[in-house]
C-alpha cells in the first residue's frame, strides 16, 4: 500500500480536475441559460466560467485548509458535554426543554416523561 502512494495521489488529482471541469461546465451552462435572458448580460465561455469559480472561491471561500468557525462552537460544546456529569447533563437538558420545548431522546436512551 505504501509503495503506490503516488498512484493514489495521481488518482485524487485526476478526480479533482474532472470535478472542476464538470462543475465549470455546469456553471457555464447555468449562467448562459439564466443571465442573458433575465438580465441581458453576455454569455460566458468555459474558461470565463472557470475563472468565475476561482474568483468566487477567493472572494467568498478563501483557501484555508481548516474547518470554518461554525464548527469551533460545536467542538467546544462536545468537549464541555464530555466533561459533564450525568446530573449536569440532565440539568442542561431540562433547561433546554424549558426554552425550546421537548425533542426526541437520542437512540438507545429512554424518553423522559415530563
PDB file of N, CA and C in Angstrom:
ATOM      1  N   UNK A   1       0.824  -1.193   0.000  1.00  0.00           N
ATOM      2  CA  UNK A   1       0.000   0.000   0.000  1.00  0.00           C
ATOM      3  C   UNK A   1       0.873   1.264   0.000  1.00  0.00           C
ATOM      4  N   UNK A   2       1.956   1.252   0.771  1.00  0.00           N
ATOM      5  CA  UNK A   2       2.825   2.420   0.840  1.00  0.00           C
ATOM      6  C   UNK A   2       3.613   2.616  -0.463  1.00  0.00           C
ATOM      7  N   UNK A   3       3.807   1.539  -1.207  1.00  0.00           N
ATOM      8  CA  UNK A   3       4.591   1.634  -2.433  1.00  0.00           C
ATOM      9  C   UNK A   3       3.897   2.485  -3.483  1.00  0.00           C
ATOM     10  N   UNK A   4       2.586   2.445  -3.473  1.00  0.00           N
ATOM     11  CA  UNK A   4       1.834   3.089  -4.551  1.00  0.00           C
ATOM     12  C   UNK A   4       1.127   4.355  -4.073  1.00  0.00           C
ATOM     13  N   UNK A   5       1.740   5.090  -3.149  1.00  0.00           N
ATOM     14  CA  UNK A   5       1.129   6.319  -2.658  1.00  0.00           C
ATOM     15  C   UNK A   5       0.992   7.350  -3.778  1.00  0.00           C
ATOM     16  N   UNK A   6       1.913   7.339  -4.712  1.00  0.00           N
ATOM     17  CA  UNK A   6       1.855   8.307  -5.797  1.00  0.00           C
ATOM     18  C   UNK A   6       0.699   7.994  -6.737  1.00  0.00           C
ATOM     19  N   UNK A   7       0.312   6.720  -6.862  1.00  0.00           N
ATOM     20  CA  UNK A   7      -0.853   6.373  -7.683  1.00  0.00           C
ATOM     21  C   UNK A   7      -2.140   6.920  -7.063  1.00  0.00           C
ATOM     22  N   UNK A   8      -2.222   6.812  -5.728  1.00  0.00           N
ATOM     23  CA  UNK A   8      -3.400   7.364  -5.046  1.00  0.00           C
ATOM     24  C   UNK A   8      -3.453   8.877  -5.210  1.00  0.00           C
ATOM     25  N   UNK A   9      -2.286   9.532  -5.119  1.00  0.00           N
ATOM     26  CA  UNK A   9      -2.222  10.978  -5.313  1.00  0.00           C
ATOM     27  C   UNK A   9      -2.605  11.372  -6.729  1.00  0.00           C
ATOM     28  N   UNK A  10      -2.132  10.602  -7.693  1.00  0.00           N
ATOM     29  CA  UNK A  10      -2.468  10.867  -9.093  1.00  0.00           C
ATOM     30  C   UNK A  10      -3.968  10.673  -9.341  1.00  0.00           C
ATOM     31  N   UNK A  11      -4.530   9.616  -8.744  1.00  0.00           N
ATOM     32  CA  UNK A  11      -5.959   9.367  -8.900  1.00  0.00           C
ATOM     33  C   UNK A  11      -6.774  10.517  -8.285  1.00  0.00           C
ATOM     34  N   UNK A  12      -6.357  10.969  -7.101  1.00  0.00           N
ATOM     35  CA  UNK A  12      -7.041  12.097  -6.459  1.00  0.00           C
ATOM     36  C   UNK A  12      -6.957  13.341  -7.332  1.00  0.00           C
ATOM     37  N   UNK A  13      -5.782  13.619  -7.881  1.00  0.00           N
ATOM     38  CA  UNK A  13      -5.595  14.781  -8.737  1.00  0.00           C
ATOM     39  C   UNK A  13      -6.478  14.706  -9.981  1.00  0.00           C
ATOM     40  N   UNK A  14      -6.554  13.531 -10.589  1.00  0.00           N
ATOM     41  CA  UNK A  14      -7.393  13.373 -11.778  1.00  0.00           C
ATOM     42  C   UNK A  14      -8.877  13.574 -11.458  1.00  0.00           C
ATOM     43  N   UNK A  15      -9.338  13.013 -10.323  1.00  0.00           N
ATOM     44  CA  UNK A  15     -10.734  13.209  -9.945  1.00  0.00           C
ATOM     45  C   UNK A  15     -11.018  14.669  -9.608  1.00  0.00           C
ATOM     46  N   UNK A  16     -10.065  15.335  -8.962  1.00  0.00           N
ATOM     47  CA  UNK A  16     -10.249  16.757  -8.645  1.00  0.00           C
ATOM     48  C   UNK A  16     -10.348  17.579  -9.922  1.00  0.00           C
ATOM     49  N   UNK A  17      -9.474  17.309 -10.888  1.00  0.00           N
ATOM     50  CA  UNK A  17      -9.523  18.033 -12.164  1.00  0.00           C
ATOM     51  C   UNK A  17     -10.825  17.741 -12.912  1.00  0.00           C
ATOM     52  N   UNK A  18     -11.256  16.497 -12.879  1.00  0.00           N
ATOM     53  CA  UNK A  18     -12.520  16.145 -13.530  1.00  0.00           C
ATOM     54  C   UNK A  18     -13.692  16.867 -12.867  1.00  0.00           C
ATOM     55  N   UNK A  19     -13.682  16.907 -11.535  1.00  0.00           N
ATOM     56  CA  UNK A  19     -14.740  17.605 -10.815  1.00  0.00           C
ATOM     57  C   UNK A  19     -14.767  19.080 -11.179  1.00  0.00           C
ATOM     58  N   UNK A  20     -13.611  19.733 -11.202  1.00  0.00           N
ATOM     59  CA  UNK A  20     -13.544  21.157 -11.535  1.00  0.00           C
ATOM     60  C   UNK A  20     -14.016  21.375 -12.968  1.00  0.00           C
ATOM     61  N   UNK A  21     -13.625  20.499 -13.875  1.00  0.00           N
ATOM     62  CA  UNK A  21     -14.028  20.644 -15.276  1.00  0.00           C
ATOM     63  C   UNK A  21     -15.541  20.509 -15.436  1.00  0.00           C
ATOM     64  N   UNK A  22     -16.121  19.507 -14.804  1.00  0.00           N
ATOM     65  CA  UNK A  22     -17.572  19.290 -14.911  1.00  0.00           C
ATOM     66  C   UNK A  22     -18.325  20.418 -14.212  1.00  0.00           C
ATOM     67  N   UNK A  23     -17.850  20.836 -13.041  1.00  0.00           N
ATOM     68  CA  UNK A  23     -18.512  21.911 -12.306  1.00  0.00           C
ATOM     69  C   UNK A  23     -18.451  23.217 -13.102  1.00  0.00           C
ATOM     70  N   UNK A  24     -17.320  23.495 -13.747  1.00  0.00           N
ATOM     71  CA  UNK A  24     -17.197  24.696 -14.582  1.00  0.00           C
ATOM     72  C   UNK A  24     -18.166  24.640 -15.757  1.00  0.00           C
ATOM     73  N   UNK A  25     -18.316  23.466 -16.340  1.00  0.00           N
ATOM     74  CA  UNK A  25     -19.255  23.317 -17.448  1.00  0.00           C
ATOM     75  C   UNK A  25     -20.683  23.622 -16.994  1.00  0.00           C
ATOM     76  N   UNK A  26     -21.068  23.110 -15.803  1.00  0.00           N
ATOM     77  CA  UNK A  26     -22.417  23.371 -15.318  1.00  0.00           C
ATOM     78  C   UNK A  26     -22.618  24.840 -14.957  1.00  0.00           C
ATOM     79  N   UNK A  27     -21.586  25.483 -14.427  1.00  0.00           N
ATOM     80  CA  UNK A  27     -21.693  26.921 -14.147  1.00  0.00           C
ATOM     81  C   UNK A  27     -21.891  27.687 -15.449  1.00  0.00           C
ATOM     82  N   UNK A  28     -21.132  27.334 -16.468  1.00  0.00           N
ATOM     83  CA  UNK A  28     -21.260  27.993 -17.767  1.00  0.00           C
ATOM     84  C   UNK A  28     -22.664  27.808 -18.345  1.00  0.00           C
ATOM     85  N   UNK A  29     -23.139  26.573 -18.312  1.00  0.00           N
ATOM     86  CA  UNK A  29     -24.475  26.299 -18.878  1.00  0.00           C
ATOM     87  C   UNK A  29     -25.570  27.025 -18.100  1.00  0.00           C
ATOM     88  N   UNK A  30     -25.483  27.020 -16.783  1.00  0.00           N
ATOM     89  CA  UNK A  30     -26.489  27.694 -15.960  1.00  0.00           C
ATOM     90  C   UNK A  30     -26.440  29.196 -16.173  1.00  0.00           C
ATOM     91  N   UNK A  31     -25.263  29.766 -16.219  1.00  0.00           N
ATOM     92  CA  UNK A  31     -25.111  31.204 -16.462  1.00  0.00           C
ATOM     93  C   UNK A  31     -25.700  31.564 -17.828  1.00  0.00           C
ATOM     94  N   UNK A  32     -25.314  30.802 -18.839  1.00  0.00           N
ATOM     95  CA  UNK A  32     -25.767  31.122 -20.195  1.00  0.00           C
ATOM     96  C   UNK A  32     -27.265  30.884 -20.378  1.00  0.00           C
ATOM     97  N   UNK A  33     -27.854  30.069 -19.543  1.00  0.00           N
ATOM     98  CA  UNK A  33     -29.293  29.837 -19.611  1.00  0.00           C
ATOM     99  C   UNK A  33     -30.058  30.957 -18.919  1.00  0.00           C
ATOM    100  N   UNK A  34     -29.540  31.416 -17.779  1.00  0.00           N
ATOM    101  CA  UNK A  34     -30.271  32.394 -16.977  1.00  0.00           C
ATOM    102  C   UNK A  34     -29.897  33.848 -17.221  1.00  0.00           C
ATOM    103  N   UNK A  35     -28.644  34.170 -17.127  1.00  0.00           N
ATOM    104  CA  UNK A  35     -28.225  35.569 -17.079  1.00  0.00           C
ATOM    105  C   UNK A  35     -28.548  36.378 -18.332  1.00  0.00           C
ATOM    106  N   UNK A  36     -28.294  35.875 -19.541  1.00  0.00           N
ATOM    107  CA  UNK A  36     -28.663  36.686 -20.710  1.00  0.00           C
ATOM    108  C   UNK A  36     -30.172  36.922 -20.812  1.00  0.00           C
ATOM    109  N   UNK A  37     -30.960  35.922 -20.441  1.00  0.00           N
ATOM    110  CA  UNK A  37     -32.418  36.068 -20.546  1.00  0.00           C
ATOM    111  C   UNK A  37     -32.981  36.975 -19.458  1.00  0.00           C
ATOM    112  N   UNK A  38     -32.464  36.857 -18.246  1.00  0.00           N
ATOM    113  CA  UNK A  38     -33.007  37.609 -17.117  1.00  0.00           C
ATOM    114  C   UNK A  38     -32.464  39.029 -17.066  1.00  0.00           C
ATOM    115  N   UNK A  39     -31.143  39.186 -17.179  1.00  0.00           N
ATOM    116  CA  UNK A  39     -30.521  40.495 -17.000  1.00  0.00           C
ATOM    117  C   UNK A  39     -29.965  41.093 -18.289  1.00  0.00           C
ATOM    118  N   UNK A  40     -29.926  40.340 -19.365  1.00  0.00           N
ATOM    119  CA  UNK A  40     -29.366  40.832 -20.609  1.00  0.00           C
ATOM    120  C   UNK A  40     -27.843  40.827 -20.620  1.00  0.00           C
ATOM    121  N   UNK A  41     -27.211  40.060 -19.750  1.00  0.00           N
ATOM    122  CA  UNK A  41     -25.755  40.002 -19.692  1.00  0.00           C
ATOM    123  C   UNK A  41     -25.230  39.076 -20.785  1.00  0.00           C
ATOM    124  N   UNK A  42     -23.941  39.173 -21.053  1.00  0.00           N
ATOM    125  CA  UNK A  42     -23.322  38.355 -22.085  1.00  0.00           C
ATOM    126  C   UNK A  42     -23.165  36.913 -21.610  1.00  0.00           C
ATOM    127  N   UNK A  43     -23.110  36.011 -22.581  1.00  0.00           N
ATOM    128  CA  UNK A  43     -22.858  34.594 -22.278  1.00  0.00           C
ATOM    129  C   UNK A  43     -21.380  34.410 -21.927  1.00  0.00           C
ATOM    130  N   UNK A  44     -21.085  33.370 -21.166  1.00  0.00           N
ATOM    131  CA  UNK A  44     -19.718  33.057 -20.751  1.00  0.00           C
ATOM    132  C   UNK A  44     -19.149  31.922 -21.580  1.00  0.00           C
ATOM    133  N   UNK A  45     -17.840  31.973 -21.769  1.00  0.00           N
ATOM    134  CA  UNK A  45     -17.143  30.818 -22.334  1.00  0.00           C
ATOM    135  C   UNK A  45     -16.807  29.872 -21.178  1.00  0.00           C
ATOM    136  N   UNK A  46     -16.306  28.698 -21.519  1.00  0.00           N
ATOM    137  CA  UNK A  46     -15.927  27.728 -20.496  1.00  0.00           C
ATOM    138  C   UNK A  46     -14.844  28.303 -19.585  1.00  0.00           C
ATOM    139  N   UNK A  47     -13.849  28.954 -20.172  1.00  0.00           N
ATOM    140  CA  UNK A  47     -12.727  29.474 -19.388  1.00  0.00           C
ATOM    141  C   UNK A  47     -13.164  30.641 -18.509  1.00  0.00           C
ATOM    142  N   UNK A  48     -14.119  31.432 -18.971  1.00  0.00           N
ATOM    143  CA  UNK A  48     -14.654  32.502 -18.130  1.00  0.00           C
ATOM    144  C   UNK A  48     -15.412  31.919 -16.941  1.00  0.00           C
ATOM    145  N   UNK A  49     -16.139  30.834 -17.166  1.00  0.00           N
ATOM    146  CA  UNK A  49     -16.857  30.184 -16.065  1.00  0.00           C
ATOM    147  C   UNK A  49     -15.873  29.624 -15.046  1.00  0.00           C
ATOM    148  N   UNK A  50     -14.773  29.032 -15.511  1.00  0.00           N
ATOM    149  CA  UNK A  50     -13.746  28.537 -14.614  1.00  0.00           C
ATOM    150  C   UNK A  50     -13.124  29.690 -13.824  1.00  0.00           C
ATOM    151  N   UNK A  51     -12.850  30.799 -14.486  1.00  0.00           N
ATOM    152  CA  UNK A  51     -12.319  31.979 -13.812  1.00  0.00           C
ATOM    153  C   UNK A  51     -13.291  32.541 -12.792  1.00  0.00           C
ATOM    154  N   UNK A  52     -14.583  32.505 -13.112  1.00  0.00           N
ATOM    155  CA  UNK A  52     -15.606  32.969 -12.171  1.00  0.00           C
ATOM    156  C   UNK A  52     -15.636  32.086 -10.923  1.00  0.00           C
ATOM    157  N   UNK A  53     -15.475  30.781 -11.101  1.00  0.00           N
ATOM    158  CA  UNK A  53     -15.408  29.877  -9.952  1.00  0.00           C
ATOM    159  C   UNK A  53     -14.200  30.173  -9.072  1.00  0.00           C
ATOM    160  N   UNK A  54     -13.047  30.370  -9.691  1.00  0.00           N
ATOM    161  CA  UNK A  54     -11.837  30.669  -8.924  1.00  0.00           C
ATOM    162  C   UNK A  54     -11.987  32.000  -8.202  1.00  0.00           C
ATOM    163  N   UNK A  55     -12.516  33.014  -8.888  1.00  0.00           N
ATOM    164  CA  UNK A  55     -12.717  34.316  -8.268  1.00  0.00           C
ATOM    165  C   UNK A  55     -13.689  34.232  -7.094  1.00  0.00           C
ATOM    166  N   UNK A  56     -14.780  33.496  -7.243  1.00  0.00           N
ATOM    167  CA  UNK A  56     -15.736  33.365  -6.140  1.00  0.00           C
ATOM    168  C   UNK A  56     -15.125  32.603  -4.970  1.00  0.00           C
ATOM    169  N   UNK A  57     -14.258  31.635  -5.253  1.00  0.00           N
ATOM    170  CA  UNK A  57     -13.568  30.908  -4.182  1.00  0.00           C
ATOM    171  C   UNK A  57     -12.645  31.842  -3.418  1.00  0.00           C
ATOM    172  N   UNK A  58     -11.927  32.698  -4.136  1.00  0.00           N
ATOM    173  CA  UNK A  58     -11.025  33.647  -3.487  1.00  0.00           C
ATOM    174  C   UNK A  58     -11.809  34.656  -2.665  1.00  0.00           C
ATOM    175  N   UNK A  59     -12.872  35.205  -3.237  1.00  0.00           N
ATOM    176  CA  UNK A  59     -13.614  36.267  -2.557  1.00  0.00           C
ATOM    177  C   UNK A  59     -14.470  35.751  -1.411  1.00  0.00           C
ATOM    178  N   UNK A  60     -15.100  34.610  -1.576  1.00  0.00           N
ATOM    179  CA  UNK A  60     -16.074  34.147  -0.589  1.00  0.00           C
ATOM    180  C   UNK A  60     -15.632  32.935   0.219  1.00  0.00           C
ATOM    181  N   UNK A  61     -14.762  32.097  -0.326  1.00  0.00           N
ATOM    182  CA  UNK A  61     -14.416  30.867   0.366  1.00  0.00           C
ATOM    183  C   UNK A  61     -13.040  30.859   0.972  1.00  0.00           C
ATOM    184  N   UNK A  62     -12.118  31.594   0.398  1.00  0.00           N
ATOM    185  CA  UNK A  62     -10.757  31.562   0.891  1.00  0.00           C
ATOM    186  C   UNK A  62     -10.081  30.253   0.549  1.00  0.00           C
ATOM    187  N   UNK A  63      -8.862  30.101   0.992  1.00  0.00           N
ATOM    188  CA  UNK A  63      -8.109  28.880   0.719  1.00  0.00           C
ATOM    189  C   UNK A  63      -7.590  28.260   2.000  1.00  0.00           C
ATOM    190  N   UNK A  64      -8.300  28.411   3.071  1.00  0.00           N
ATOM    191  CA  UNK A  64      -7.857  27.828   4.333  1.00  0.00           C
ATOM    192  C   UNK A  64      -8.171  26.335   4.337  1.00  0.00           C
ATOM    193  N   UNK A  65      -7.320  25.556   4.958  1.00  0.00           N
ATOM    194  CA  UNK A  65      -7.486  24.123   4.961  1.00  0.00           C
ATOM    195  C   UNK A  65      -8.220  23.614   6.185  1.00  0.00           C
ATOM    196  N   UNK A  66      -8.550  24.475   7.100  1.00  0.00           N
ATOM    197  CA  UNK A  66      -9.223  24.040   8.325  1.00  0.00           C
ATOM    198  C   UNK A  66     -10.708  24.349   8.236  1.00  0.00           C
ATOM    199  N   UNK A  67     -11.526  23.690   9.042  1.00  0.00           N
ATOM    200  CA  UNK A  67     -12.949  23.993   9.037  1.00  0.00           C
ATOM    201  C   UNK A  67     -13.204  25.418   9.501  1.00  0.00           C
ATOM    202  N   UNK A  68     -14.294  25.958   9.054  1.00  0.00           N
ATOM    203  CA  UNK A  68     -14.646  27.320   9.410  1.00  0.00           C
ATOM    204  C   UNK A  68     -15.047  27.465  10.866  1.00  0.00           C
ATOM    205  N   UNK A  69     -15.326  28.695  11.285  1.00  0.00           N
ATOM    206  CA  UNK A  69     -15.650  28.947  12.689  1.00  0.00           C
ATOM    207  C   UNK A  69     -16.954  28.303  13.132  1.00  0.00           C
ATOM    208  N   UNK A  70     -17.809  27.927  12.210  1.00  0.00           N
ATOM    209  CA  UNK A  70     -19.086  27.334  12.620  1.00  0.00           C
ATOM    210  C   UNK A  70     -18.892  25.985  13.310  1.00  0.00           C
ATOM    211  N   UNK A  71     -17.766  25.296  13.026  1.00  0.00           N
ATOM    212  CA  UNK A  71     -17.501  24.013  13.660  1.00  0.00           C
ATOM    213  C   UNK A  71     -16.817  24.166  15.010  1.00  0.00           C
ATOM    214  N   UNK A  72     -16.214  25.320  15.258  1.00  0.00           N
ATOM    215  CA  UNK A  72     -15.497  25.523  16.513  1.00  0.00           C
ATOM    216  C   UNK A  72     -16.459  25.490  17.700  1.00  0.00           C
ATOM    217  N   UNK A  73     -17.622  26.108  17.563  1.00  0.00           N
ATOM    218  CA  UNK A  73     -18.606  26.108  18.645  1.00  0.00           C
ATOM    219  C   UNK A  73     -19.120  24.712  18.936  1.00  0.00           C
ATOM    220  N   UNK A  74     -19.343  23.943  17.917  1.00  0.00           N
ATOM    221  CA  UNK A  74     -19.810  22.563  18.106  1.00  0.00           C
ATOM    222  C   UNK A  74     -18.744  21.736  18.825  1.00  0.00           C
ATOM    223  N   UNK A  75     -17.483  21.911  18.420  1.00  0.00           N
ATOM    224  CA  UNK A  75     -16.401  21.170  19.054  1.00  0.00           C
ATOM    225  C   UNK A  75     -16.288  21.539  20.528  1.00  0.00           C
ATOM    226  N   UNK A  76     -16.378  22.840  20.833  1.00  0.00           N
ATOM    227  CA  UNK A  76     -16.310  23.258  22.237  1.00  0.00           C
ATOM    228  C   UNK A  76     -17.461  22.677  23.035  1.00  0.00           C
ATOM    229  N   UNK A  77     -18.659  22.671  22.459  1.00  0.00           N
ATOM    230  CA  UNK A  77     -19.807  22.127  23.172  1.00  0.00           C
ATOM    231  C   UNK A  77     -19.654  20.628  23.400  1.00  0.00           C
ATOM    232  N   UNK A  78     -19.126  19.905  22.435  1.00  0.00           N
ATOM    233  CA  UNK A  78     -18.907  18.467  22.601  1.00  0.00           C
ATOM    234  C   UNK A  78     -17.868  18.203  23.697  1.00  0.00           C
ATOM    235  N   UNK A  79     -16.841  19.051  23.773  1.00  0.00           N
ATOM    236  CA  UNK A  79     -15.851  18.894  24.838  1.00  0.00           C
ATOM    237  C   UNK A  79     -16.472  19.166  26.203  1.00  0.00           C
ATOM    238  N   UNK A  80     -17.299  20.207  26.294  1.00  0.00           N
ATOM    239  CA  UNK A  80     -17.983  20.504  27.553  1.00  0.00           C
ATOM    240  C   UNK A  80     -18.909  19.358  27.940  1.00  0.00           C
ATOM    241  N   UNK A  81     -19.622  18.815  26.951  1.00  0.00           N
ATOM    242  CA  UNK A  81     -20.559  17.712  27.204  1.00  0.00           C
ATOM    243  C   UNK A  81     -19.812  16.496  27.752  1.00  0.00           C
ATOM    244  N   UNK A  82     -18.635  16.224  27.205  1.00  0.00           N
ATOM    245  CA  UNK A  82     -17.849  15.070  27.643  1.00  0.00           C
ATOM    246  C   UNK A  82     -17.369  15.231  29.089  1.00  0.00           C
ATOM    247  N   UNK A  83     -17.152  16.475  29.528  1.00  0.00           N
ATOM    248  CA  UNK A  83     -16.689  16.712  30.903  1.00  0.00           C
ATOM    249  C   UNK A  83     -17.829  16.773  31.912  1.00  0.00           C
ATOM    250  N   UNK A  84     -19.084  16.830  31.452  1.00  0.00           N
ATOM    251  CA  UNK A  84     -20.220  16.956  32.369  1.00  0.00           C
ATOM    252  C   UNK A  84     -20.535  15.629  33.061  1.00  0.00           C
ATOM    253  N   UNK A  85     -21.042  15.751  34.266  1.00  0.00           N
ATOM    254  CA  UNK A  85     -21.546  14.569  34.975  1.00  0.00           C
ATOM    255  C   UNK A  85     -22.950  14.283  34.458  1.00  0.00           C
ATOM    256  N   UNK A  86     -23.484  13.088  34.690  1.00  0.00           N
ATOM    257  CA  UNK A  86     -24.854  12.795  34.252  1.00  0.00           C
ATOM    258  C   UNK A  86     -25.882  13.770  34.847  1.00  0.00           C
ATOM    259  N   UNK A  87     -25.675  14.229  36.073  1.00  0.00           N
ATOM    260  CA  UNK A  87     -26.602  15.183  36.675  1.00  0.00           C
ATOM    261  C   UNK A  87     -26.543  16.534  35.958  1.00  0.00           C
ATOM    262  N   UNK A  88     -25.348  16.978  35.589  1.00  0.00           N
ATOM    263  CA  UNK A  88     -25.210  18.242  34.863  1.00  0.00           C
ATOM    264  C   UNK A  88     -25.849  18.139  33.480  1.00  0.00           C
ATOM    265  N   UNK A  89     -25.685  16.986  32.842  1.00  0.00           N
ATOM    266  CA  UNK A  89     -26.299  16.794  31.528  1.00  0.00           C
ATOM    267  C   UNK A  89     -27.814  16.864  31.625  1.00  0.00           C
ATOM    268  N   UNK A  90     -28.383  16.231  32.638  1.00  0.00           N
ATOM    269  CA  UNK A  90     -29.836  16.254  32.799  1.00  0.00           C
ATOM    270  C   UNK A  90     -30.332  17.673  33.091  1.00  0.00           C
ATOM    271  N   UNK A  91     -29.575  18.425  33.902  1.00  0.00           N
ATOM    272  CA  UNK A  91     -29.954  19.817  34.171  1.00  0.00           C
ATOM    273  C   UNK A  91     -29.935  20.641  32.885  1.00  0.00           C
ATOM    274  N   UNK A  92     -28.932  20.424  32.050  1.00  0.00           N
ATOM    275  CA  UNK A  92     -28.858  21.132  30.769  1.00  0.00           C
ATOM    276  C   UNK A  92     -30.038  20.749  29.883  1.00  0.00           C
ATOM    277  N   UNK A  93     -30.347  19.455  29.814  1.00  0.00           N
ATOM    278  CA  UNK A  93     -31.497  19.008  29.018  1.00  0.00           C
ATOM    279  C   UNK A  93     -32.785  19.664  29.494  1.00  0.00           C
ATOM    280  N   UNK A  94     -32.979  19.714  30.803  1.00  0.00           N
ATOM    281  CA  UNK A  94     -34.189  20.322  31.358  1.00  0.00           C
ATOM    282  C   UNK A  94     -34.272  21.802  31.020  1.00  0.00           C
ATOM    283  N   UNK A  95     -33.164  22.510  31.141  1.00  0.00           N
ATOM    284  CA  UNK A  95     -33.188  23.935  30.819  1.00  0.00           C
ATOM    285  C   UNK A  95     -33.465  24.153  29.331  1.00  0.00           C
ATOM    286  N   UNK A  96     -32.926  23.276  28.479  1.00  0.00           N
ATOM    287  CA  UNK A  96     -33.190  23.408  27.040  1.00  0.00           C
ATOM    288  C   UNK A  96     -34.647  23.055  26.722  1.00  0.00           C
ATOM    289  N   UNK A  97     -35.217  22.078  27.418  1.00  0.00           N
ATOM    290  CA  UNK A  97     -36.633  21.742  27.205  1.00  0.00           C
ATOM    291  C   UNK A  97     -37.522  22.918  27.574  1.00  0.00           C
ATOM    292  N   UNK A  98     -37.178  23.628  28.646  1.00  0.00           N
ATOM    293  CA  UNK A  98     -37.968  24.791  29.059  1.00  0.00           C
ATOM    294  C   UNK A  98     -37.888  25.897  28.019  1.00  0.00           C
ATOM    295  N   UNK A  99     -36.701  26.080  27.423  1.00  0.00           N
ATOM    296  CA  UNK A  99     -36.518  27.140  26.430  1.00  0.00           C
ATOM    297  C   UNK A  99     -37.063  26.762  25.057  1.00  0.00           C
ATOM    298  N   UNK A 100     -36.806  25.530  24.636  1.00  0.00           N
ATOM    299  CA  UNK A 100     -37.064  25.148  23.244  1.00  0.00           C
ATOM    300  C   UNK A 100     -38.195  24.146  23.065  1.00  0.00           C
ATOM    301  N   UNK A 101     -38.674  23.558  24.131  1.00  0.00           N
ATOM    302  CA  UNK A 101     -39.673  22.511  24.007  1.00  0.00           C
ATOM    303  C   UNK A 101     -39.002  21.150  23.976  1.00  0.00           C
ATOM    304  N   UNK A 102     -39.800  20.106  24.020  1.00  0.00           N
ATOM    305  CA  UNK A 102     -39.266  18.744  24.070  1.00  0.00           C
ATOM    306  C   UNK A 102     -38.793  18.311  22.696  1.00  0.00           C
ATOM    307  N   UNK A 103     -37.810  17.428  22.669  1.00  0.00           N
ATOM    308  CA  UNK A 103     -37.327  16.809  21.433  1.00  0.00           C
ATOM    309  C   UNK A 103     -37.095  15.338  21.719  1.00  0.00           C
ATOM    310  N   UNK A 104     -37.024  14.512  20.694  1.00  0.00           N
ATOM    311  CA  UNK A 104     -36.858  13.074  20.931  1.00  0.00           C
ATOM    312  C   UNK A 104     -35.516  12.770  21.585  1.00  0.00           C
ATOM    313  N   UNK A 105     -35.515  11.722  22.404  1.00  0.00           N
ATOM    314  CA  UNK A 105     -34.281  11.297  23.073  1.00  0.00           C
ATOM    315  C   UNK A 105     -33.351  10.653  22.055  1.00  0.00           C
ATOM    316  N   UNK A 106     -32.028  10.717  22.281  1.00  0.00           N
ATOM    317  CA  UNK A 106     -31.091  10.040  21.374  1.00  0.00           C
ATOM    318  C   UNK A 106     -31.347   8.546  21.333  1.00  0.00           C
ATOM    319  N   UNK A 107     -30.941   7.909  20.260  1.00  0.00           N
ATOM    320  CA  UNK A 107     -31.149   6.473  20.093  1.00  0.00           C
ATOM    321  C   UNK A 107     -30.501   5.718  21.249  1.00  0.00           C
ATOM    322  N   UNK A 108     -31.214   4.756  21.785  1.00  0.00           N
ATOM    323  CA  UNK A 108     -30.679   3.951  22.856  1.00  0.00           C
ATOM    324  C   UNK A 108     -30.966   4.484  24.257  1.00  0.00           C
ATOM    325  N   UNK A 109     -31.609   5.643  24.327  1.00  0.00           N
ATOM    326  CA  UNK A 109     -31.945   6.209  25.635  1.00  0.00           C
ATOM    327  C   UNK A 109     -33.458   6.300  25.766  1.00  0.00           C
ATOM    328  N   UNK A 110     -33.989   5.923  26.919  1.00  0.00           N
ATOM    329  CA  UNK A 110     -35.448   6.027  27.106  1.00  0.00           C
ATOM    330  C   UNK A 110     -35.852   7.496  27.198  1.00  0.00           C
ATOM    331  N   UNK A 111     -37.049   7.785  26.690  1.00  0.00           N
ATOM    332  CA  UNK A 111     -37.559   9.154  26.771  1.00  0.00           C
ATOM    333  C   UNK A 111     -38.071   9.441  28.170  1.00  0.00           C
ATOM    334  N   UNK A 112     -37.784  10.636  28.658  1.00  0.00           N
ATOM    335  CA  UNK A 112     -38.274  11.035  29.972  1.00  0.00           C
ATOM    336  C   UNK A 112     -39.699  11.564  29.823  1.00  0.00           C
ATOM    337  N   UNK A 113     -40.586  11.122  30.670  1.00  0.00           N
ATOM    338  CA  UNK A 113     -41.968  11.598  30.618  1.00  0.00           C
ATOM    339  C   UNK A 113     -42.068  12.859  31.456  1.00  0.00           C
ATOM    340  N   UNK A 114     -41.994  13.995  30.790  1.00  0.00           N
ATOM    341  CA  UNK A 114     -42.046  15.266  31.512  1.00  0.00           C
ATOM    342  C   UNK A 114     -43.387  15.923  31.334  1.00  0.00           C
TER     343      UNK A 114
END
